[in-house]
Full PDB file with SEQRES, HELIX, SHEET, SSBOND, CRYST1, ORIGX, SCALE, CONECT and MASTER records, all heavy atoms in Angstrom:
SEQRES   1 A   35  ILE ALA THR SER GLU VAL ALA PRO LEU ALA MET PRO GLY          
SEQRES   2 A   35  LEU LEU TRP ARG VAL PRO ALA MET LEU ALA ASP PRO THR          
SEQRES   3 A   35  GLY PRO LEU ALA LEU ARG TRP ARG TYR                          
HELIX    1 AA1 LEU A   14  ALA A   23  1                                  10    
CRYST1    1.000    1.000    1.000  90.00  90.00  90.00 P 1           1          
ORIGX1      1.000000  0.000000  0.000000        0.00000                         
ORIGX2      0.000000  1.000000  0.000000        0.00000                         
ORIGX3      0.000000  0.000000  1.000000        0.00000                         
SCALE1      1.000000  0.000000  0.000000        0.00000                         
SCALE2      0.000000  1.000000  0.000000        0.00000                         
SCALE3      0.000000  0.000000  1.000000        0.00000                         
ATOM      1  N   ILE A   1      -5.297  -7.220  18.386  1.00  0.00           N  
ATOM      2  CA  ILE A   1      -5.845  -8.484  17.896  1.00  0.00           C  
ATOM      3  C   ILE A   1      -6.969  -8.097  16.946  1.00  0.00           C  
ATOM      4  O   ILE A   1      -8.124  -7.945  17.328  1.00  0.00           O  
ATOM      5  CB  ILE A   1      -6.354  -9.376  19.039  1.00  0.00           C  
ATOM      6  CG1 ILE A   1      -5.298  -9.483  20.136  1.00  0.00           C  
ATOM      7  CG2 ILE A   1      -6.737 -10.751  18.505  1.00  0.00           C  
ATOM      8  CD1 ILE A   1      -3.976 -10.068  19.678  1.00  0.00           C  
ATOM      9  N   ALA A   2      -6.608  -7.906  15.685  1.00  0.00           N  
ATOM     10  CA  ALA A   2      -7.478  -7.234  14.714  1.00  0.00           C  
ATOM     11  C   ALA A   2      -8.465  -8.197  14.081  1.00  0.00           C  
ATOM     12  O   ALA A   2      -8.407  -8.502  12.883  1.00  0.00           O  
ATOM     13  CB  ALA A   2      -6.629  -6.541  13.646  1.00  0.00           C  
ATOM     14  N   THR A   3      -9.415  -8.671  14.878  1.00  0.00           N  
ATOM     15  CA  THR A   3     -10.400  -9.619  14.377  1.00  0.00           C  
ATOM     16  C   THR A   3     -11.346  -8.996  13.355  1.00  0.00           C  
ATOM     17  O   THR A   3     -12.096  -9.706  12.693  1.00  0.00           O  
ATOM     18  CB  THR A   3     -11.234 -10.177  15.538  1.00  0.00           C  
ATOM     19  OG1 THR A   3     -11.807  -9.089  16.280  1.00  0.00           O  
ATOM     20  CG2 THR A   3     -10.365 -10.986  16.479  1.00  0.00           C  
ATOM     21  N   SER A   4     -11.289  -7.689  13.218  1.00  0.00           N  
ATOM     22  CA  SER A   4     -12.155  -6.991  12.257  1.00  0.00           C  
ATOM     23  C   SER A   4     -11.595  -6.980  10.842  1.00  0.00           C  
ATOM     24  O   SER A   4     -12.322  -6.654   9.891  1.00  0.00           O  
ATOM     25  CB  SER A   4     -12.349  -5.539  12.706  1.00  0.00           C  
ATOM     26  OG  SER A   4     -11.088  -4.881  12.775  1.00  0.00           O  
ATOM     27  N   GLU A   5     -10.324  -7.351  10.676  1.00  0.00           N  
ATOM     28  CA  GLU A   5      -9.648  -7.137   9.396  1.00  0.00           C  
ATOM     29  C   GLU A   5      -9.871  -8.287   8.415  1.00  0.00           C  
ATOM     30  O   GLU A   5      -8.935  -8.964   7.998  1.00  0.00           O  
ATOM     31  CB  GLU A   5      -8.158  -6.919   9.627  1.00  0.00           C  
ATOM     32  CG  GLU A   5      -7.856  -5.706  10.492  1.00  0.00           C  
ATOM     33  CD  GLU A   5      -8.444  -4.427   9.897  1.00  0.00           C  
ATOM     34  OE1 GLU A   5      -7.859  -3.885   8.959  1.00  0.00           O  
ATOM     35  OE2 GLU A   5      -9.502  -3.987  10.391  1.00  0.00           O  
ATOM     36  N   VAL A   6     -11.127  -8.488   8.034  1.00  0.00           N  
ATOM     37  CA  VAL A   6     -11.439  -9.522   7.043  1.00  0.00           C  
ATOM     38  C   VAL A   6     -11.072  -9.084   5.632  1.00  0.00           C  
ATOM     39  O   VAL A   6     -10.892  -9.921   4.740  1.00  0.00           O  
ATOM     40  CB  VAL A   6     -12.929  -9.913   7.091  1.00  0.00           C  
ATOM     41  CG1 VAL A   6     -13.278 -10.554   8.420  1.00  0.00           C  
ATOM     42  CG2 VAL A   6     -13.830  -8.701   6.830  1.00  0.00           C  
ATOM     43  N   ALA A   7     -10.983  -7.781   5.390  1.00  0.00           N  
ATOM     44  CA  ALA A   7     -10.616  -7.285   4.059  1.00  0.00           C  
ATOM     45  C   ALA A   7      -9.129  -7.496   3.839  1.00  0.00           C  
ATOM     46  O   ALA A   7      -8.309  -7.101   4.661  1.00  0.00           O  
ATOM     47  CB  ALA A   7     -10.963  -5.801   3.925  1.00  0.00           C  
ATOM     48  N   PRO A   8      -8.734  -8.134   2.743  1.00  0.00           N  
ATOM     49  CA  PRO A   8      -7.308  -8.379   2.492  1.00  0.00           C  
ATOM     50  C   PRO A   8      -6.569  -7.105   2.112  1.00  0.00           C  
ATOM     51  O   PRO A   8      -7.182  -6.090   1.731  1.00  0.00           O  
ATOM     52  CB  PRO A   8      -7.321  -9.376   1.328  1.00  0.00           C  
ATOM     53  CG  PRO A   8      -8.585  -9.076   0.600  1.00  0.00           C  
ATOM     54  CD  PRO A   8      -9.585  -8.681   1.656  1.00  0.00           C  
ATOM     55  N   LEU A   9      -5.248  -7.157   2.213  1.00  0.00           N  
ATOM     56  CA  LEU A   9      -4.424  -6.029   1.786  1.00  0.00           C  
ATOM     57  C   LEU A   9      -4.655  -5.721   0.308  1.00  0.00           C  
ATOM     58  O   LEU A   9      -4.728  -4.556  -0.089  1.00  0.00           O  
ATOM     59  CB  LEU A   9      -2.950  -6.357   2.027  1.00  0.00           C  
ATOM     60  CG  LEU A   9      -1.928  -5.352   1.486  1.00  0.00           C  
ATOM     61  CD1 LEU A   9      -2.077  -4.021   2.207  1.00  0.00           C  
ATOM     62  CD2 LEU A   9      -0.506  -5.891   1.660  1.00  0.00           C  
ATOM     63  N   ALA A  10      -4.789  -6.762  -0.481  1.00  0.00           N  
ATOM     64  CA  ALA A  10      -4.965  -6.585  -1.934  1.00  0.00           C  
ATOM     65  C   ALA A  10      -6.429  -6.363  -2.260  1.00  0.00           C  
ATOM     66  O   ALA A  10      -7.141  -7.253  -2.738  1.00  0.00           O  
ATOM     67  CB  ALA A  10      -4.443  -7.811  -2.670  1.00  0.00           C  
ATOM     68  N   MET A  11      -6.908  -5.148  -1.999  1.00  0.00           N  
ATOM     69  CA  MET A  11      -8.275  -4.783  -2.354  1.00  0.00           C  
ATOM     70  C   MET A  11      -8.313  -4.239  -3.780  1.00  0.00           C  
ATOM     71  O   MET A  11      -7.306  -3.732  -4.282  1.00  0.00           O  
ATOM     72  CB  MET A  11      -8.799  -3.719  -1.387  1.00  0.00           C  
ATOM     73  CG  MET A  11      -9.118  -4.250  -0.010  1.00  0.00           C  
ATOM     74  SD  MET A  11     -10.598  -5.286   0.013  1.00  0.00           S  
ATOM     75  CE  MET A  11     -11.887  -4.029  -0.156  1.00  0.00           C  
ATOM     76  N   PRO A  12      -9.463  -4.353  -4.446  1.00  0.00           N  
ATOM     77  CA  PRO A  12      -9.577  -3.766  -5.784  1.00  0.00           C  
ATOM     78  C   PRO A  12      -9.221  -2.280  -5.769  1.00  0.00           C  
ATOM     79  O   PRO A  12      -9.589  -1.552  -4.849  1.00  0.00           O  
ATOM     80  CB  PRO A  12     -11.059  -3.973  -6.124  1.00  0.00           C  
ATOM     81  CG  PRO A  12     -11.473  -5.153  -5.312  1.00  0.00           C  
ATOM     82  CD  PRO A  12     -10.692  -5.050  -4.038  1.00  0.00           C  
ATOM     83  N   GLY A  13      -8.473  -1.841  -6.765  1.00  0.00           N  
ATOM     84  CA  GLY A  13      -8.062  -0.441  -6.834  1.00  0.00           C  
ATOM     85  C   GLY A  13      -6.734  -0.152  -6.184  1.00  0.00           C  
ATOM     86  O   GLY A  13      -6.228   0.976  -6.269  1.00  0.00           O  
ATOM     87  N   LEU A  14      -6.141  -1.157  -5.527  1.00  0.00           N  
ATOM     88  CA  LEU A  14      -4.868  -0.936  -4.841  1.00  0.00           C  
ATOM     89  C   LEU A  14      -3.785  -0.463  -5.811  1.00  0.00           C  
ATOM     90  O   LEU A  14      -3.012   0.446  -5.503  1.00  0.00           O  
ATOM     91  CB  LEU A  14      -4.423  -2.222  -4.152  1.00  0.00           C  
ATOM     92  CG  LEU A  14      -3.030  -2.216  -3.513  1.00  0.00           C  
ATOM     93  CD1 LEU A  14      -2.987  -1.246  -2.337  1.00  0.00           C  
ATOM     94  CD2 LEU A  14      -2.633  -3.611  -3.064  1.00  0.00           C  
ATOM     95  N   LEU A  15      -3.734  -1.059  -6.999  1.00  0.00           N  
ATOM     96  CA  LEU A  15      -2.679  -0.747  -7.955  1.00  0.00           C  
ATOM     97  C   LEU A  15      -2.660   0.738  -8.305  1.00  0.00           C  
ATOM     98  O   LEU A  15      -1.582   1.343  -8.436  1.00  0.00           O  
ATOM     99  CB  LEU A  15      -2.863  -1.577  -9.222  1.00  0.00           C  
ATOM    100  CG  LEU A  15      -1.838  -1.357 -10.341  1.00  0.00           C  
ATOM    101  CD1 LEU A  15      -0.449  -1.754  -9.854  1.00  0.00           C  
ATOM    102  CD2 LEU A  15      -2.215  -2.158 -11.578  1.00  0.00           C  
ATOM    103  N   TRP A  16      -3.833   1.343  -8.427  1.00  0.00           N  
ATOM    104  CA  TRP A  16      -3.904   2.743  -8.849  1.00  0.00           C  
ATOM    105  C   TRP A  16      -3.472   3.697  -7.746  1.00  0.00           C  
ATOM    106  O   TRP A  16      -3.199   4.874  -8.011  1.00  0.00           O  
ATOM    107  CB  TRP A  16      -5.317   3.072  -9.312  1.00  0.00           C  
ATOM    108  CG  TRP A  16      -5.815   2.081 -10.324  1.00  0.00           C  
ATOM    109  CD1 TRP A  16      -6.829   1.183 -10.183  1.00  0.00           C  
ATOM    110  CD2 TRP A  16      -5.269   1.857 -11.637  1.00  0.00           C  
ATOM    111  NE1 TRP A  16      -6.954   0.414 -11.313  1.00  0.00           N  
ATOM    112  CE2 TRP A  16      -6.015   0.800 -12.220  1.00  0.00           C  
ATOM    113  CE3 TRP A  16      -4.217   2.431 -12.365  1.00  0.00           C  
ATOM    114  CZ2 TRP A  16      -5.734   0.323 -13.504  1.00  0.00           C  
ATOM    115  CZ3 TRP A  16      -3.947   1.946 -13.633  1.00  0.00           C  
ATOM    116  CH2 TRP A  16      -4.705   0.917 -14.191  1.00  0.00           C  
ATOM    117  N   ARG A  17      -3.397   3.217  -6.513  1.00  0.00           N  
ATOM    118  CA  ARG A  17      -2.963   4.067  -5.407  1.00  0.00           C  
ATOM    119  C   ARG A  17      -1.453   4.008  -5.180  1.00  0.00           C  
ATOM    120  O   ARG A  17      -0.898   4.819  -4.443  1.00  0.00           O  
ATOM    121  CB  ARG A  17      -3.677   3.649  -4.119  1.00  0.00           C  
ATOM    122  CG  ARG A  17      -5.185   3.871  -4.164  1.00  0.00           C  
ATOM    123  CD  ARG A  17      -5.830   3.365  -2.903  1.00  0.00           C  
ATOM    124  NE  ARG A  17      -7.287   3.430  -3.010  1.00  0.00           N  
ATOM    125  CZ  ARG A  17      -8.116   2.646  -2.346  1.00  0.00           C  
ATOM    126  NH1 ARG A  17      -7.625   1.736  -1.522  1.00  0.00           N  
ATOM    127  NH2 ARG A  17      -9.418   2.758  -2.492  1.00  0.00           N  
ATOM    128  N   VAL A  18      -0.808   3.031  -5.773  1.00  0.00           N  
ATOM    129  CA  VAL A  18       0.616   2.827  -5.531  1.00  0.00           C  
ATOM    130  C   VAL A  18       1.465   4.038  -5.911  1.00  0.00           C  
ATOM    131  O   VAL A  18       2.337   4.451  -5.132  1.00  0.00           O  
ATOM    132  CB  VAL A  18       1.116   1.562  -6.240  1.00  0.00           C  
ATOM    133  CG1 VAL A  18       2.639   1.491  -6.241  1.00  0.00           C  
ATOM    134  CG2 VAL A  18       0.535   0.328  -5.559  1.00  0.00           C  
ATOM    135  N   PRO A  19       1.295   4.667  -7.095  1.00  0.00           N  
ATOM    136  CA  PRO A  19       2.143   5.814  -7.436  1.00  0.00           C  
ATOM    137  C   PRO A  19       2.084   6.935  -6.399  1.00  0.00           C  
ATOM    138  O   PRO A  19       3.127   7.498  -6.035  1.00  0.00           O  
ATOM    139  CB  PRO A  19       1.587   6.274  -8.788  1.00  0.00           C  
ATOM    140  CG  PRO A  19       1.010   5.035  -9.390  1.00  0.00           C  
ATOM    141  CD  PRO A  19       0.413   4.289  -8.231  1.00  0.00           C  
ATOM    142  N   ALA A  20       0.886   7.239  -5.907  1.00  0.00           N  
ATOM    143  CA  ALA A  20       0.763   8.296  -4.901  1.00  0.00           C  
ATOM    144  C   ALA A  20       1.436   7.894  -3.595  1.00  0.00           C  
ATOM    145  O   ALA A  20       2.059   8.723  -2.913  1.00  0.00           O  
ATOM    146  CB  ALA A  20      -0.712   8.609  -4.661  1.00  0.00           C  
ATOM    147  N   MET A  21       1.340   6.609  -3.221  1.00  0.00           N  
ATOM    148  CA  MET A  21       2.004   6.136  -2.008  1.00  0.00           C  
ATOM    149  C   MET A  21       3.519   6.268  -2.118  1.00  0.00           C  
ATOM    150  O   MET A  21       4.201   6.688  -1.183  1.00  0.00           O  
ATOM    151  CB  MET A  21       1.641   4.670  -1.750  1.00  0.00           C  
ATOM    152  CG  MET A  21       0.208   4.412  -1.375  1.00  0.00           C  
ATOM    153  SD  MET A  21      -0.051   2.633  -1.101  1.00  0.00           S  
ATOM    154  CE  MET A  21      -1.833   2.581  -0.861  1.00  0.00           C  
ATOM    155  N   LEU A  22       4.055   5.912  -3.296  1.00  0.00           N  
ATOM    156  CA  LEU A  22       5.499   5.984  -3.498  1.00  0.00           C  
ATOM    157  C   LEU A  22       6.001   7.424  -3.514  1.00  0.00           C  
ATOM    158  O   LEU A  22       7.124   7.710  -3.102  1.00  0.00           O  
ATOM    159  CB  LEU A  22       5.885   5.284  -4.803  1.00  0.00           C  
ATOM    160  CG  LEU A  22       5.737   3.767  -4.826  1.00  0.00           C  
ATOM    161  CD1 LEU A  22       5.988   3.233  -6.231  1.00  0.00           C  
ATOM    162  CD2 LEU A  22       6.688   3.110  -3.838  1.00  0.00           C  
ATOM    163  N   ALA A  23       5.164   8.346  -4.009  1.00  0.00           N  
ATOM    164  CA  ALA A  23       5.559   9.747  -4.103  1.00  0.00           C  
ATOM    165  C   ALA A  23       5.501  10.467  -2.760  1.00  0.00           C  
ATOM    166  O   ALA A  23       6.123  11.518  -2.591  1.00  0.00           O  
ATOM    167  CB  ALA A  23       4.679  10.471  -5.112  1.00  0.00           C  
ATOM    168  N   ASP A  24       4.774   9.893  -1.805  1.00  0.00           N  
ATOM    169  CA  ASP A  24       4.605  10.529  -0.501  1.00  0.00           C  
ATOM    170  C   ASP A  24       5.689  10.036   0.450  1.00  0.00           C  
ATOM    171  O   ASP A  24       5.716   8.854   0.824  1.00  0.00           O  
ATOM    172  CB  ASP A  24       3.222  10.186   0.055  1.00  0.00           C  
ATOM    173  CG  ASP A  24       2.930  10.889   1.375  1.00  0.00           C  
ATOM    174  OD1 ASP A  24       3.835  11.570   1.900  1.00  0.00           O  
ATOM    175  OD2 ASP A  24       1.803  10.750   1.883  1.00  0.00           O  
ATOM    176  N   PRO A  25       6.612  10.914   0.895  1.00  0.00           N  
ATOM    177  CA  PRO A  25       7.689  10.464   1.793  1.00  0.00           C  
ATOM    178  C   PRO A  25       7.190   9.989   3.146  1.00  0.00           C  
ATOM    179  O   PRO A  25       7.899   9.269   3.854  1.00  0.00           O  
ATOM    180  CB  PRO A  25       8.576  11.706   1.932  1.00  0.00           C  
ATOM    181  CG  PRO A  25       7.688  12.859   1.599  1.00  0.00           C  
ATOM    182  CD  PRO A  25       6.707  12.350   0.576  1.00  0.00           C  
ATOM    183  N   THR A  26       5.970  10.374   3.530  1.00  0.00           N  
ATOM    184  CA  THR A  26       5.398   9.916   4.796  1.00  0.00           C  
ATOM    185  C   THR A  26       4.359   8.827   4.577  1.00  0.00           C  
ATOM    186  O   THR A  26       3.655   8.450   5.511  1.00  0.00           O  
ATOM    187  CB  THR A  26       4.757  11.094   5.550  1.00  0.00           C  
ATOM    188  OG1 THR A  26       3.642  11.604   4.789  1.00  0.00           O  
ATOM    189  CG2 THR A  26       5.757  12.209   5.788  1.00  0.00           C  
ATOM    190  N   GLY A  27       4.241   8.334   3.354  1.00  0.00           N  
ATOM    191  CA  GLY A  27       3.230   7.336   3.027  1.00  0.00           C  
ATOM    192  C   GLY A  27       3.577   5.947   3.536  1.00  0.00           C  
ATOM    193  O   GLY A  27       4.659   5.712   4.072  1.00  0.00           O  
ATOM    194  N   PRO A  28       2.665   4.990   3.340  1.00  0.00           N  
ATOM    195  CA  PRO A  28       2.852   3.648   3.902  1.00  0.00           C  
ATOM    196  C   PRO A  28       3.703   2.725   3.041  1.00  0.00           C  
ATOM    197  O   PRO A  28       3.937   1.579   3.423  1.00  0.00           O  
ATOM    198  CB  PRO A  28       1.412   3.113   3.968  1.00  0.00           C  
ATOM    199  CG  PRO A  28       0.732   3.770   2.802  1.00  0.00           C  
ATOM    200  CD  PRO A  28       1.341   5.149   2.693  1.00  0.00           C  
ATOM    201  N   LEU A  29       4.177   3.210   1.894  1.00  0.00           N  
ATOM    202  CA  LEU A  29       4.892   2.330   0.968  1.00  0.00           C  
ATOM    203  C   LEU A  29       6.197   2.975   0.515  1.00  0.00           C  
ATOM    204  O   LEU A  29       6.228   4.153   0.141  1.00  0.00           O  
ATOM    205  CB  LEU A  29       4.014   2.037  -0.257  1.00  0.00           C  
ATOM    206  CG  LEU A  29       4.581   1.067  -1.294  1.00  0.00           C  
ATOM    207  CD1 LEU A  29       4.789  -0.314  -0.681  1.00  0.00           C  
ATOM    208  CD2 LEU A  29       3.645   0.983  -2.505  1.00  0.00           C  
ATOM    209  N   ALA A  30       7.263   2.206   0.565  1.00  0.00           N  
ATOM    210  CA  ALA A  30       8.568   2.641   0.057  1.00  0.00           C  
ATOM    211  C   ALA A  30       9.169   1.487  -0.725  1.00  0.00           C  
ATOM    212  O   ALA A  30       8.912   0.317  -0.430  1.00  0.00           O  
ATOM    213  CB  ALA A  30       9.498   3.059   1.196  1.00  0.00           C  
ATOM    214  N   LEU A  31       9.967   1.811  -1.742  1.00  0.00           N  
ATOM    215  CA  LEU A  31      10.516   0.769  -2.605  1.00  0.00           C  
ATOM    216  C   LEU A  31      11.933   1.134  -3.022  1.00  0.00           C  
ATOM    217  O   LEU A  31      12.182   2.247  -3.491  1.00  0.00           O  
ATOM    218  CB  LEU A  31       9.630   0.599  -3.850  1.00  0.00           C  
ATOM    219  CG  LEU A  31      10.101  -0.410  -4.889  1.00  0.00           C  
ATOM    220  CD1 LEU A  31      10.089  -1.823  -4.309  1.00  0.00           C  
ATOM    221  CD2 LEU A  31       9.209  -0.344  -6.134  1.00  0.00           C  
ATOM    222  N   ARG A  32      12.855   0.195  -2.820  1.00  0.00           N  
ATOM    223  CA  ARG A  32      14.199   0.350  -3.378  1.00  0.00           C  
ATOM    224  C   ARG A  32      14.133  -0.093  -4.836  1.00  0.00           C  
ATOM    225  O   ARG A  32      13.911  -1.274  -5.115  1.00  0.00           O  
ATOM    226  CB  ARG A  32      15.208  -0.499  -2.599  1.00  0.00           C  
ATOM    227  CG  ARG A  32      15.423  -0.043  -1.170  1.00  0.00           C  
ATOM    228  CD  ARG A  32      16.559  -0.853  -0.534  1.00  0.00           C  
ATOM    229  NE  ARG A  32      16.816  -0.413   0.828  1.00  0.00           N  
ATOM    230  CZ  ARG A  32      16.285  -0.963   1.911  1.00  0.00           C  
ATOM    231  NH1 ARG A  32      15.449  -1.976   1.775  1.00  0.00           N  
ATOM    232  NH2 ARG A  32      16.586  -0.510   3.115  1.00  0.00           N  
ATOM    233  N   TRP A  33      14.315   0.830  -5.760  1.00  0.00           N  
ATOM    234  CA  TRP A  33      14.059   0.539  -7.168  1.00  0.00           C  
ATOM    235  C   TRP A  33      14.949  -0.568  -7.705  1.00  0.00           C  
ATOM    236  O   TRP A  33      14.531  -1.334  -8.587  1.00  0.00           O  
ATOM    237  CB  TRP A  33      14.201   1.814  -8.001  1.00  0.00           C  
ATOM    238  CG  TRP A  33      13.125   2.802  -7.687  1.00  0.00           C  
ATOM    239  CD1 TRP A  33      13.238   3.940  -6.958  1.00  0.00           C  
ATOM    240  CD2 TRP A  33      11.739   2.694  -8.034  1.00  0.00           C  
ATOM    241  NE1 TRP A  33      12.015   4.573  -6.831  1.00  0.00           N  
ATOM    242  CE2 TRP A  33      11.087   3.836  -7.489  1.00  0.00           C  
ATOM    243  CE3 TRP A  33      10.995   1.750  -8.748  1.00  0.00           C  
ATOM    244  CZ2 TRP A  33       9.717   4.038  -7.644  1.00  0.00           C  
ATOM    245  CZ3 TRP A  33       9.630   1.960  -8.902  1.00  0.00           C  
ATOM    246  CH2 TRP A  33       9.007   3.102  -8.353  1.00  0.00           C  
ATOM    247  N   ARG A  34      16.157  -0.702  -7.184  1.00  0.00           N  
ATOM    248  CA  ARG A  34      17.028  -1.791  -7.657  1.00  0.00           C  
ATOM    249  C   ARG A  34      16.490  -3.161  -7.236  1.00  0.00           C  
ATOM    250  O   ARG A  34      16.910  -4.194  -7.771  1.00  0.00           O  
ATOM    251  CB  ARG A  34      18.447  -1.592  -7.145  1.00  0.00           C  
ATOM    252  CG  ARG A  34      18.617  -1.662  -5.642  1.00  0.00           C  
ATOM    253  CD  ARG A  34      20.087  -1.476  -5.248  1.00  0.00           C  
ATOM    254  NE  ARG A  34      20.290  -1.522  -3.808  1.00  0.00           N  
ATOM    255  CZ  ARG A  34      20.141  -0.498  -2.994  1.00  0.00           C  
ATOM    256  NH1 ARG A  34      19.784   0.685  -3.483  1.00  0.00           N  
ATOM    257  NH2 ARG A  34      20.349  -0.635  -1.692  1.00  0.00           N  
ATOM    258  N   TYR A  35      15.581  -3.159  -6.281  1.00  0.00           N  
ATOM    259  CA  TYR A  35      14.984  -4.409  -5.820  1.00  0.00           C  
ATOM    260  C   TYR A  35      13.749  -4.788  -6.630  1.00  0.00           C  
ATOM    261  O   TYR A  35      13.222  -5.891  -6.500  1.00  0.00           O  
ATOM    262  CB  TYR A  35      14.616  -4.277  -4.340  1.00  0.00           C  
ATOM    263  CG  TYR A  35      14.271  -5.567  -3.651  1.00  0.00           C  
ATOM    264  CD1 TYR A  35      15.248  -6.537  -3.412  1.00  0.00           C  
ATOM    265  CD2 TYR A  35      12.978  -5.836  -3.225  1.00  0.00           C  
ATOM    266  CE1 TYR A  35      14.941  -7.735  -2.773  1.00  0.00           C  
ATOM    267  CE2 TYR A  35      12.649  -7.027  -2.581  1.00  0.00           C  
ATOM    268  CZ  TYR A  35      13.651  -7.970  -2.362  1.00  0.00           C  
ATOM    269  OH  TYR A  35      13.332  -9.148  -1.724  1.00  0.00           O  
TER     270      TYR A  35                                                      
MASTER        0    0    0    1    0    0    0    6  269    1    0    3          
END                                                                             
């Protein structure tokens, strides 16, 4: 019950971290490119 999570997922700087997340096979983000 994460009452501490007032910070939204979309924090400033998120966009610049996306390439590294996609390149990491164990990272938190995966994308089907056709989607």
